[in-house]
Amino acid sequence: MKTLFKTTMIASIAAMGLGLAACDSTAENKAEDKADAVRDSAYASADAMENKADTLDTKTDGMDTPAENSMESKAAAVRAKGETKADAMEDKADKIPG
């Protein structure tokens, strides 16, 4: 019984230690927050561009105009660029010693 108790205690302590080791440092969390802000900003800009693109379609035929398609393509590029930049920032943050 003592052996089972000791084994259980050691396993619990080891699990808690591993859990703490997996925690991000304050510096890493701040860097990841900045990456999230970059991503959010890019998405907000892209959403605004897409909303503007919707106003460019003055026809009621349901077909997108070339101007609308162009604006939507630019919005997708802004979103992709923001996502790429944020991902790179998160990768860099993951390398911050904690």
PDB file of N, CA and C in Angstrom:
ATOM      1  N   MET A   1       0.815  -1.191   0.000  1.00  0.00           N
ATOM      2  CA  MET A   1       0.000   0.000   0.000  1.00  0.00           C
ATOM      3  C   MET A   1       0.866   1.266   0.000  1.00  0.00           C
ATOM      4  N   LYS A   2       1.959   1.243   0.796  1.00  0.00           N
ATOM      5  CA  LYS A   2       2.855   2.390   0.845  1.00  0.00           C
ATOM      6  C   LYS A   2       3.479   2.651  -0.522  1.00  0.00           C
ATOM      7  N   THR A   3       3.825   1.568  -1.224  1.00  0.00           N
ATOM      8  CA  THR A   3       4.435   1.708  -2.540  1.00  0.00           C
ATOM      9  C   THR A   3       3.457   2.356  -3.517  1.00  0.00           C
ATOM     10  N   LEU A   4       2.212   1.940  -3.482  1.00  0.00           N
ATOM     11  CA  LEU A   4       1.189   2.512  -4.358  1.00  0.00           C
ATOM     12  C   LEU A   4       1.007   3.996  -4.048  1.00  0.00           C
ATOM     13  N   PHE A   5       0.960   4.340  -2.766  1.00  0.00           N
ATOM     14  CA  PHE A   5       0.808   5.728  -2.351  1.00  0.00           C
ATOM     15  C   PHE A   5       1.987   6.565  -2.828  1.00  0.00           C
ATOM     16  N   LYS A   6       3.201   6.073  -2.641  1.00  0.00           N
ATOM     17  CA  LYS A   6       4.391   6.808  -3.072  1.00  0.00           C
ATOM     18  C   LYS A   6       4.417   6.974  -4.589  1.00  0.00           C
ATOM     19  N   THR A   7       4.075   5.924  -5.294  1.00  0.00           N
ATOM     20  CA  THR A   7       4.051   5.978  -6.755  1.00  0.00           C
ATOM     21  C   THR A   7       3.040   7.006  -7.242  1.00  0.00           C
ATOM     22  N   THR A   8       1.872   7.003  -6.609  1.00  0.00           N
ATOM     23  CA  THR A   8       0.833   7.967  -6.975  1.00  0.00           C
ATOM     24  C   THR A   8       1.294   9.389  -6.691  1.00  0.00           C
ATOM     25  N   MET A   9       1.919   9.603  -5.547  1.00  0.00           N
ATOM     26  CA  MET A   9       2.416  10.937  -5.190  1.00  0.00           C
ATOM     27  C   MET A   9       3.486  11.401  -6.177  1.00  0.00           C
ATOM     28  N   ILE A  10       4.408  10.532  -6.490  1.00  0.00           N
ATOM     29  CA  ILE A  10       5.487  10.891  -7.414  1.00  0.00           C
ATOM     30  C   ILE A  10       4.908  11.209  -8.794  1.00  0.00           C
ATOM     31  N   ALA A  11       3.960  10.416  -9.244  1.00  0.00           N
ATOM     32  CA  ALA A  11       3.340  10.663 -10.548  1.00  0.00           C
ATOM     33  C   ALA A  11       2.603  11.998 -10.554  1.00  0.00           C
ATOM     34  N   SER A  12       1.915  12.317  -9.478  1.00  0.00           N
ATOM     35  CA  SER A  12       1.190  13.590  -9.383  1.00  0.00           C
ATOM     36  C   SER A  12       2.141  14.775  -9.407  1.00  0.00           C
ATOM     37  N   ILE A  13       3.214  14.664  -8.638  1.00  0.00           N
ATOM     38  CA  ILE A  13       4.198  15.748  -8.592  1.00  0.00           C
ATOM     39  C   ILE A  13       4.874  15.918  -9.953  1.00  0.00           C
ATOM     40  N   ALA A  14       5.192  14.828 -10.603  1.00  0.00           N
ATOM     41  CA  ALA A  14       5.806  14.893 -11.930  1.00  0.00           C
ATOM     42  C   ALA A  14       4.865  15.552 -12.931  1.00  0.00           C
ATOM     43  N   ALA A  15       3.594  15.202 -12.862  1.00  0.00           N
ATOM     44  CA  ALA A  15       2.612  15.786 -13.786  1.00  0.00           C
ATOM     45  C   ALA A  15       2.481  17.287 -13.547  1.00  0.00           C
ATOM     46  N   MET A  16       2.474  17.705 -12.295  1.00  0.00           N
ATOM     47  CA  MET A  16       2.390  19.138 -11.997  1.00  0.00           C
ATOM     48  C   MET A  16       3.640  19.859 -12.488  1.00  0.00           C
ATOM     49  N   GLY A  17       4.780  19.235 -12.325  1.00  0.00           N
ATOM     50  CA  GLY A  17       6.027  19.841 -12.791  1.00  0.00           C
ATOM     51  C   GLY A  17       6.042  20.019 -14.290  1.00  0.00           C
ATOM     52  N   LEU A  18       5.572  19.011 -14.985  1.00  0.00           N
ATOM     53  CA  LEU A  18       5.507  19.117 -16.446  1.00  0.00           C
ATOM     54  C   LEU A  18       4.505  20.180 -16.868  1.00  0.00           C
ATOM     55  N   GLY A  19       3.420  20.279 -16.147  1.00  0.00           N
ATOM     56  CA  GLY A  19       2.425  21.306 -16.446  1.00  0.00           C
ATOM     57  C   GLY A  19       2.983  22.698 -16.287  1.00  0.00           C
ATOM     58  N   LEU A  20       3.751  22.912 -15.233  1.00  0.00           N
ATOM     59  CA  LEU A  20       4.365  24.222 -15.025  1.00  0.00           C
ATOM     60  C   LEU A  20       5.431  24.509 -16.070  1.00  0.00           C
ATOM     61  N   ALA A  21       6.158  23.506 -16.482  1.00  0.00           N
ATOM     62  CA  ALA A  21       7.198  23.695 -17.490  1.00  0.00           C
ATOM     63  C   ALA A  21       6.600  24.093 -18.830  1.00  0.00           C
ATOM     64  N   ALA A  22       5.361  23.685 -19.078  1.00  0.00           N
ATOM     65  CA  ALA A  22       4.709  23.995 -20.350  1.00  0.00           C
ATOM     66  C   ALA A  22       4.121  25.398 -20.373  1.00  0.00           C
ATOM     67  N   CYS A  23       4.056  26.075 -19.231  1.00  0.00           N
ATOM     68  CA  CYS A  23       3.485  27.418 -19.166  1.00  0.00           C
ATOM     69  C   CYS A  23       4.373  28.405 -19.912  1.00  0.00           C
ATOM     70  N   ASP A  24       3.738  29.371 -20.547  1.00  0.00           N
ATOM     71  CA  ASP A  24       4.468  30.408 -21.258  1.00  0.00           C
ATOM     72  C   ASP A  24       4.980  31.452 -20.269  1.00  0.00           C
ATOM     73  N   SER A  25       6.090  32.055 -20.606  1.00  0.00           N
ATOM     74  CA  SER A  25       6.610  33.146 -19.792  1.00  0.00           C
ATOM     75  C   SER A  25       5.796  34.403 -20.072  1.00  0.00           C
ATOM     76  N   THR A  26       5.961  35.387 -19.210  1.00  0.00           N
ATOM     77  CA  THR A  26       5.268  36.666 -19.400  1.00  0.00           C
ATOM     78  C   THR A  26       5.697  37.301 -20.714  1.00  0.00           C
ATOM     79  N   ALA A  27       6.975  37.233 -21.023  1.00  0.00           N
ATOM     80  CA  ALA A  27       7.485  37.826 -22.273  1.00  0.00           C
ATOM     81  C   ALA A  27       6.875  37.122 -23.485  1.00  0.00           C
ATOM     82  N   GLU A  28       6.761  35.803 -23.399  1.00  0.00           N
ATOM     83  CA  GLU A  28       6.164  35.057 -24.513  1.00  0.00           C
ATOM     84  C   GLU A  28       4.696  35.418 -24.665  1.00  0.00           C
ATOM     85  N   ASN A  29       3.990  35.537 -23.573  1.00  0.00           N
ATOM     86  CA  ASN A  29       2.571  35.903 -23.640  1.00  0.00           C
ATOM     87  C   ASN A  29       2.387  37.287 -24.250  1.00  0.00           C
ATOM     88  N   LYS A  30       3.255  38.236 -23.869  1.00  0.00           N
ATOM     89  CA  LYS A  30       3.162  39.590 -24.433  1.00  0.00           C
ATOM     90  C   LYS A  30       3.431  39.575 -25.935  1.00  0.00           C
ATOM     91  N   ALA A  31       4.417  38.812 -26.353  1.00  0.00           N
ATOM     92  CA  ALA A  31       4.736  38.716 -27.779  1.00  0.00           C
ATOM     93  C   ALA A  31       3.573  38.073 -28.546  1.00  0.00           C
ATOM     94  N   GLU A  32       2.964  37.064 -27.950  1.00  0.00           N
ATOM     95  CA  GLU A  32       1.817  36.425 -28.608  1.00  0.00           C
ATOM     96  C   GLU A  32       0.613  37.363 -28.653  1.00  0.00           C
ATOM     97  N   ASP A  33       0.444  38.199 -27.628  1.00  0.00           N
ATOM     98  CA  ASP A  33      -0.634  39.191 -27.641  1.00  0.00           C
ATOM     99  C   ASP A  33      -0.428  40.194 -28.772  1.00  0.00           C
ATOM    100  N   LYS A  34       0.834  40.580 -29.002  1.00  0.00           N
ATOM    101  CA  LYS A  34       1.129  41.498 -30.109  1.00  0.00           C
ATOM    102  C   LYS A  34       0.810  40.834 -31.452  1.00  0.00           C
ATOM    103  N   ALA A  35       1.122  39.552 -31.558  1.00  0.00           N
ATOM    104  CA  ALA A  35       0.811  38.818 -32.785  1.00  0.00           C
ATOM    105  C   ALA A  35      -0.695  38.764 -33.001  1.00  0.00           C
ATOM    106  N   ASP A  36      -1.433  38.547 -31.929  1.00  0.00           N
ATOM    107  CA  ASP A  36      -2.898  38.537 -32.036  1.00  0.00           C
ATOM    108  C   ASP A  36      -3.425  39.894 -32.480  1.00  0.00           C
ATOM    109  N   ALA A  37      -2.811  40.964 -31.976  1.00  0.00           N
ATOM    110  CA  ALA A  37      -3.230  42.313 -32.366  1.00  0.00           C
ATOM    111  C   ALA A  37      -2.969  42.566 -33.842  1.00  0.00           C
ATOM    112  N   VAL A  38      -1.836  42.081 -34.339  1.00  0.00           N
ATOM    113  CA  VAL A  38      -1.521  42.224 -35.772  1.00  0.00           C
ATOM    114  C   VAL A  38      -2.559  41.477 -36.600  1.00  0.00           C
ATOM    115  N   ARG A  39      -2.866  40.258 -36.180  1.00  0.00           N
ATOM    116  CA  ARG A  39      -3.854  39.446 -36.892  1.00  0.00           C
ATOM    117  C   ARG A  39      -5.236  40.127 -36.867  1.00  0.00           C
ATOM    118  N   ASP A  40      -5.641  40.596 -35.704  1.00  0.00           N
ATOM    119  CA  ASP A  40      -6.941  41.255 -35.569  1.00  0.00           C
ATOM    120  C   ASP A  40      -7.027  42.501 -36.439  1.00  0.00           C
ATOM    121  N   SER A  41      -5.934  43.271 -36.468  1.00  0.00           N
ATOM    122  CA  SER A  41      -5.904  44.487 -37.280  1.00  0.00           C
ATOM    123  C   SER A  41      -6.025  44.164 -38.765  1.00  0.00           C
ATOM    124  N   ALA A  42      -5.314  43.140 -39.205  1.00  0.00           N
ATOM    125  CA  ALA A  42      -5.381  42.744 -40.615  1.00  0.00           C
ATOM    126  C   ALA A  42      -6.788  42.280 -40.971  1.00  0.00           C
ATOM    127  N   TYR A  43      -7.396  41.503 -40.093  1.00  0.00           N
ATOM    128  CA  TYR A  43      -8.751  41.027 -40.351  1.00  0.00           C
ATOM    129  C   TYR A  43      -9.749  42.181 -40.381  1.00  0.00           C
ATOM    130  N   ALA A  44      -9.581  43.151 -39.476  1.00  0.00           N
ATOM    131  CA  ALA A  44     -10.479  44.302 -39.465  1.00  0.00           C
ATOM    132  C   ALA A  44     -10.343  45.113 -40.755  1.00  0.00           C
ATOM    133  N   SER A  45      -9.105  45.296 -41.199  1.00  0.00           N
ATOM    134  CA  SER A  45      -8.883  46.022 -42.454  1.00  0.00           C
ATOM    135  C   SER A  45      -9.487  45.277 -43.629  1.00  0.00           C
ATOM    136  N   ALA A  46      -9.290  43.972 -43.670  1.00  0.00           N
ATOM    137  CA  ALA A  46      -9.831  43.167 -44.759  1.00  0.00           C
ATOM    138  C   ALA A  46     -11.355  43.179 -44.739  1.00  0.00           C
ATOM    139  N   ASP A  47     -11.932  43.107 -43.558  1.00  0.00           N
ATOM    140  CA  ASP A  47     -13.396  43.162 -43.449  1.00  0.00           C
ATOM    141  C   ASP A  47     -13.925  44.490 -43.966  1.00  0.00           C
ATOM    142  N   ALA A  48     -13.243  45.579 -43.620  1.00  0.00           N
ATOM    143  CA  ALA A  48     -13.662  46.903 -44.096  1.00  0.00           C
ATOM    144  C   ALA A  48     -13.562  46.983 -45.613  1.00  0.00           C
ATOM    145  N   MET A  49     -12.511  46.405 -46.166  1.00  0.00           N
ATOM    146  CA  MET A  49     -12.353  46.402 -47.626  1.00  0.00           C
ATOM    147  C   MET A  49     -13.464  45.591 -48.292  1.00  0.00           C
ATOM    148  N   GLU A  50     -13.806  44.458 -47.691  1.00  0.00           N
ATOM    149  CA  GLU A  50     -14.877  43.633 -48.256  1.00  0.00           C
ATOM    150  C   GLU A  50     -16.226  44.337 -48.165  1.00  0.00           C
ATOM    151  N   ASN A  51     -16.440  45.057 -47.071  1.00  0.00           N
ATOM    152  CA  ASN A  51     -17.684  45.822 -46.949  1.00  0.00           C
ATOM    153  C   ASN A  51     -17.750  46.919 -48.008  1.00  0.00           C
ATOM    154  N   LYS A  52     -16.597  47.551 -48.254  1.00  0.00           N
ATOM    155  CA  LYS A  52     -16.558  48.580 -49.296  1.00  0.00           C
ATOM    156  C   LYS A  52     -16.793  47.942 -50.665  1.00  0.00           C
ATOM    157  N   ALA A  53     -16.237  46.765 -50.866  1.00  0.00           N
ATOM    158  CA  ALA A  53     -16.433  46.068 -52.141  1.00  0.00           C
ATOM    159  C   ALA A  53     -17.910  45.800 -52.394  1.00  0.00           C
ATOM    160  N   ASP A  54     -18.631  45.478 -51.334  1.00  0.00           N
ATOM    161  CA  ASP A  54     -20.064  45.225 -51.478  1.00  0.00           C
ATOM    162  C   ASP A  54     -20.813  46.460 -51.967  1.00  0.00           C
ATOM    163  N   THR A  55     -20.323  47.655 -51.625  1.00  0.00           N
ATOM    164  CA  THR A  55     -20.985  48.883 -52.066  1.00  0.00           C
ATOM    165  C   THR A  55     -20.668  49.208 -53.524  1.00  0.00           C
ATOM    166  N   LEU A  56     -19.632  48.572 -54.058  1.00  0.00           N
ATOM    167  CA  LEU A  56     -19.258  48.832 -55.453  1.00  0.00           C
ATOM    168  C   LEU A  56     -20.176  48.131 -56.441  1.00  0.00           C
ATOM    169  N   ASP A  57     -20.929  47.160 -55.962  1.00  0.00           N
ATOM    170  CA  ASP A  57     -21.844  46.422 -56.827  1.00  0.00           C
ATOM    171  C   ASP A  57     -23.180  47.151 -56.851  1.00  0.00           C
ATOM    172  N   THR A  58     -23.309  48.040 -57.830  1.00  0.00           N
ATOM    173  CA  THR A  58     -24.523  48.845 -57.919  1.00  0.00           C
ATOM    174  C   THR A  58     -25.597  48.181 -58.775  1.00  0.00           C
ATOM    175  N   LYS A  59     -25.223  47.095 -59.423  1.00  0.00           N
ATOM    176  CA  LYS A  59     -26.196  46.380 -60.252  1.00  0.00           C
ATOM    177  C   LYS A  59     -26.980  45.417 -59.369  1.00  0.00           C
ATOM    178  N   THR A  60     -28.139  45.063 -59.814  1.00  0.00           N
ATOM    179  CA  THR A  60     -28.966  44.123 -59.055  1.00  0.00           C
ATOM    180  C   THR A  60     -28.988  42.751 -59.709  1.00  0.00           C
ATOM    181  N   ASP A  61     -28.028  42.513 -60.611  1.00  0.00           N
ATOM    182  CA  ASP A  61     -28.027  41.243 -61.336  1.00  0.00           C
ATOM    183  C   ASP A  61     -27.333  40.118 -60.562  1.00  0.00           C
ATOM    184  N   GLY A  62     -26.750  40.438 -59.402  1.00  0.00           N
ATOM    185  CA  GLY A  62     -26.087  39.422 -58.591  1.00  0.00           C
ATOM    186  C   GLY A  62     -24.672  39.108 -59.041  1.00  0.00           C
ATOM    187  N   MET A  63     -24.221  39.720 -60.100  1.00  0.00           N
ATOM    188  CA  MET A  63     -22.866  39.488 -60.598  1.00  0.00           C
ATOM    189  C   MET A  63     -21.923  40.537 -60.000  1.00  0.00           C
ATOM    190  N   ASP A  64     -20.741  40.078 -59.577  1.00  0.00           N
ATOM    191  CA  ASP A  64     -19.742  41.001 -59.036  1.00  0.00           C
ATOM    192  C   ASP A  64     -19.121  41.800 -60.166  1.00  0.00           C
ATOM    193  N   THR A  65     -18.880  43.063 -59.895  1.00  0.00           N
ATOM    194  CA  THR A  65     -18.203  43.913 -60.871  1.00  0.00           C
ATOM    195  C   THR A  65     -16.700  43.666 -60.782  1.00  0.00           C
ATOM    196  N   PRO A  66     -15.965  44.034 -61.831  1.00  0.00           N
ATOM    197  CA  PRO A  66     -14.502  43.900 -61.760  1.00  0.00           C
ATOM    198  C   PRO A  66     -13.901  44.676 -60.579  1.00  0.00           C
ATOM    199  N   ALA A  67     -14.460  45.840 -60.280  1.00  0.00           N
ATOM    200  CA  ALA A  67     -13.965  46.642 -59.155  1.00  0.00           C
ATOM    201  C   ALA A  67     -14.198  45.899 -57.835  1.00  0.00           C
ATOM    202  N   GLU A  68     -15.356  45.268 -57.709  1.00  0.00           N
ATOM    203  CA  GLU A  68     -15.670  44.512 -56.498  1.00  0.00           C
ATOM    204  C   GLU A  68     -14.733  43.312 -56.354  1.00  0.00           C
ATOM    205  N   ASN A  69     -14.518  42.611 -57.453  1.00  0.00           N
ATOM    206  CA  ASN A  69     -13.596  41.465 -57.415  1.00  0.00           C
ATOM    207  C   ASN A  69     -12.181  41.896 -57.047  1.00  0.00           C
ATOM    208  N   SER A  70     -11.755  43.022 -57.583  1.00  0.00           N
ATOM    209  CA  SER A  70     -10.415  43.541 -57.294  1.00  0.00           C
ATOM    210  C   SER A  70     -10.278  43.877 -55.813  1.00  0.00           C
ATOM    211  N   MET A  71     -11.288  44.542 -55.272  1.00  0.00           N
ATOM    212  CA  MET A  71     -11.249  44.927 -53.864  1.00  0.00           C
ATOM    213  C   MET A  71     -11.258  43.687 -52.962  1.00  0.00           C
ATOM    214  N   GLU A  72     -12.031  42.693 -53.318  1.00  0.00           N
ATOM    215  CA  GLU A  72     -12.083  41.462 -52.528  1.00  0.00           C
ATOM    216  C   GLU A  72     -10.750  40.710 -52.594  1.00  0.00           C
ATOM    217  N   SER A  73     -10.090  40.754 -53.751  1.00  0.00           N
ATOM    218  CA  SER A  73      -8.767  40.131 -53.865  1.00  0.00           C
ATOM    219  C   SER A  73      -7.749  40.846 -52.991  1.00  0.00           C
ATOM    220  N   LYS A  74      -7.833  42.176 -52.980  1.00  0.00           N
ATOM    221  CA  LYS A  74      -6.919  42.954 -52.137  1.00  0.00           C
ATOM    222  C   LYS A  74      -7.186  42.669 -50.658  1.00  0.00           C
ATOM    223  N   ALA A  75      -8.450  42.523 -50.301  1.00  0.00           N
ATOM    224  CA  ALA A  75      -8.800  42.205 -48.912  1.00  0.00           C
ATOM    225  C   ALA A  75      -8.234  40.847 -48.514  1.00  0.00           C
ATOM    226  N   ALA A  76      -8.331  39.885 -49.408  1.00  0.00           N
ATOM    227  CA  ALA A  76      -7.782  38.553 -49.124  1.00  0.00           C
ATOM    228  C   ALA A  76      -6.270  38.618 -48.962  1.00  0.00           C
ATOM    229  N   ALA A  77      -5.607  39.461 -49.745  1.00  0.00           N
ATOM    230  CA  ALA A  77      -4.158  39.614 -49.633  1.00  0.00           C
ATOM    231  C   ALA A  77      -3.783  40.261 -48.300  1.00  0.00           C
ATOM    232  N   VAL A  78      -4.545  41.253 -47.877  1.00  0.00           N
ATOM    233  CA  VAL A  78      -4.291  41.905 -46.583  1.00  0.00           C
ATOM    234  C   VAL A  78      -4.462  40.894 -45.456  1.00  0.00           C
ATOM    235  N   ARG A  79      -5.503  40.094 -45.532  1.00  0.00           N
ATOM    236  CA  ARG A  79      -5.753  39.074 -44.505  1.00  0.00           C
ATOM    237  C   ARG A  79      -4.605  38.053 -44.478  1.00  0.00           C
ATOM    238  N   ALA A  80      -4.185  37.597 -45.638  1.00  0.00           N
ATOM    239  CA  ALA A  80      -3.106  36.598 -45.723  1.00  0.00           C
ATOM    240  C   ALA A  80      -1.785  37.170 -45.215  1.00  0.00           C
ATOM    241  N   LYS A  81      -1.493  38.412 -45.570  1.00  0.00           N
ATOM    242  CA  LYS A  81      -0.251  39.043 -45.118  1.00  0.00           C
ATOM    243  C   LYS A  81      -0.255  39.196 -43.597  1.00  0.00           C
ATOM    244  N   GLY A  82      -1.369  39.610 -43.039  1.00  0.00           N
ATOM    245  CA  GLY A  82      -1.480  39.753 -41.591  1.00  0.00           C
ATOM    246  C   GLY A  82      -1.331  38.415 -40.886  1.00  0.00           C
ATOM    247  N   GLU A  83      -1.926  37.386 -41.458  1.00  0.00           N
ATOM    248  CA  GLU A  83      -1.847  36.040 -40.886  1.00  0.00           C
ATOM    249  C   GLU A  83      -0.397  35.539 -40.907  1.00  0.00           C
ATOM    250  N   THR A  84       0.280  35.757 -42.026  1.00  0.00           N
ATOM    251  CA  THR A  84       1.678  35.330 -42.149  1.00  0.00           C
ATOM    252  C   THR A  84       2.570  36.059 -41.149  1.00  0.00           C
ATOM    253  N   LYS A  85       2.365  37.365 -41.022  1.00  0.00           N
ATOM    254  CA  LYS A  85       3.174  38.155 -40.089  1.00  0.00           C
ATOM    255  C   LYS A  85       2.905  37.711 -38.649  1.00  0.00           C
ATOM    256  N   ALA A  86       1.636  37.502 -38.304  1.00  0.00           N
ATOM    257  CA  ALA A  86       1.292  37.083 -36.946  1.00  0.00           C
ATOM    258  C   ALA A  86       1.861  35.692 -36.638  1.00  0.00           C
ATOM    259  N   ASP A  87       1.790  34.796 -37.608  1.00  0.00           N
ATOM    260  CA  ASP A  87       2.358  33.456 -37.416  1.00  0.00           C
ATOM    261  C   ASP A  87       3.860  33.529 -37.159  1.00  0.00           C
ATOM    262  N   ALA A  88       4.551  34.376 -37.916  1.00  0.00           N
ATOM    263  CA  ALA A  88       5.995  34.532 -37.720  1.00  0.00           C
ATOM    264  C   ALA A  88       6.295  35.108 -36.339  1.00  0.00           C
ATOM    265  N   MET A  89       5.468  36.048 -35.901  1.00  0.00           N
ATOM    266  CA  MET A  89       5.656  36.628 -34.572  1.00  0.00           C
ATOM    267  C   MET A  89       5.435  35.572 -33.484  1.00  0.00           C
ATOM    268  N   GLU A  90       4.445  34.720 -33.675  1.00  0.00           N
ATOM    269  CA  GLU A  90       4.175  33.659 -32.696  1.00  0.00           C
ATOM    270  C   GLU A  90       5.311  32.631 -32.671  1.00  0.00           C
ATOM    271  N   ASP A  91       5.842  32.327 -33.843  1.00  0.00           N
ATOM    272  CA  ASP A  91       6.976  31.393 -33.895  1.00  0.00           C
ATOM    273  C   ASP A  91       8.172  31.964 -33.141  1.00  0.00           C
ATOM    274  N   LYS A  92       8.403  33.247 -33.327  1.00  0.00           N
ATOM    275  CA  LYS A  92       9.502  33.918 -32.632  1.00  0.00           C
ATOM    276  C   LYS A  92       9.245  33.931 -31.120  1.00  0.00           C
ATOM    277  N   ALA A  93       7.993  34.158 -30.730  1.00  0.00           N
ATOM    278  CA  ALA A  93       7.636  34.174 -29.313  1.00  0.00           C
ATOM    279  C   ALA A  93       7.859  32.814 -28.664  1.00  0.00           C
ATOM    280  N   ASP A  94       7.596  31.760 -29.423  1.00  0.00           N
ATOM    281  CA  ASP A  94       7.786  30.408 -28.887  1.00  0.00           C
ATOM    282  C   ASP A  94       9.250  30.125 -28.531  1.00  0.00           C
ATOM    283  N   LYS A  95      10.157  30.895 -29.109  1.00  0.00           N
ATOM    284  CA  LYS A  95      11.582  30.677 -28.852  1.00  0.00           C
ATOM    285  C   LYS A  95      12.102  31.519 -27.679  1.00  0.00           C
ATOM    286  N   ILE A  96      11.208  32.319 -27.083  1.00  0.00           N
ATOM    287  CA  ILE A  96      11.618  33.126 -25.925  1.00  0.00           C
ATOM    288  C   ILE A  96      11.786  32.190 -24.737  1.00  0.00           C
ATOM    289  N   PRO A  97      12.942  32.251 -24.101  1.00  0.00           N
ATOM    290  CA  PRO A  97      13.154  31.353 -22.960  1.00  0.00           C
ATOM    291  C   PRO A  97      12.178  31.665 -21.827  1.00  0.00           C
ATOM    292  N   GLY A  98      11.700  30.642 -21.214  1.00  0.00           N
ATOM    293  CA  GLY A  98      10.712  30.857 -20.170  1.00  0.00           C
ATOM    294  C   GLY A  98      11.104  30.205 -18.941  1.00  0.00           C
TER     295      GLY A  98
END
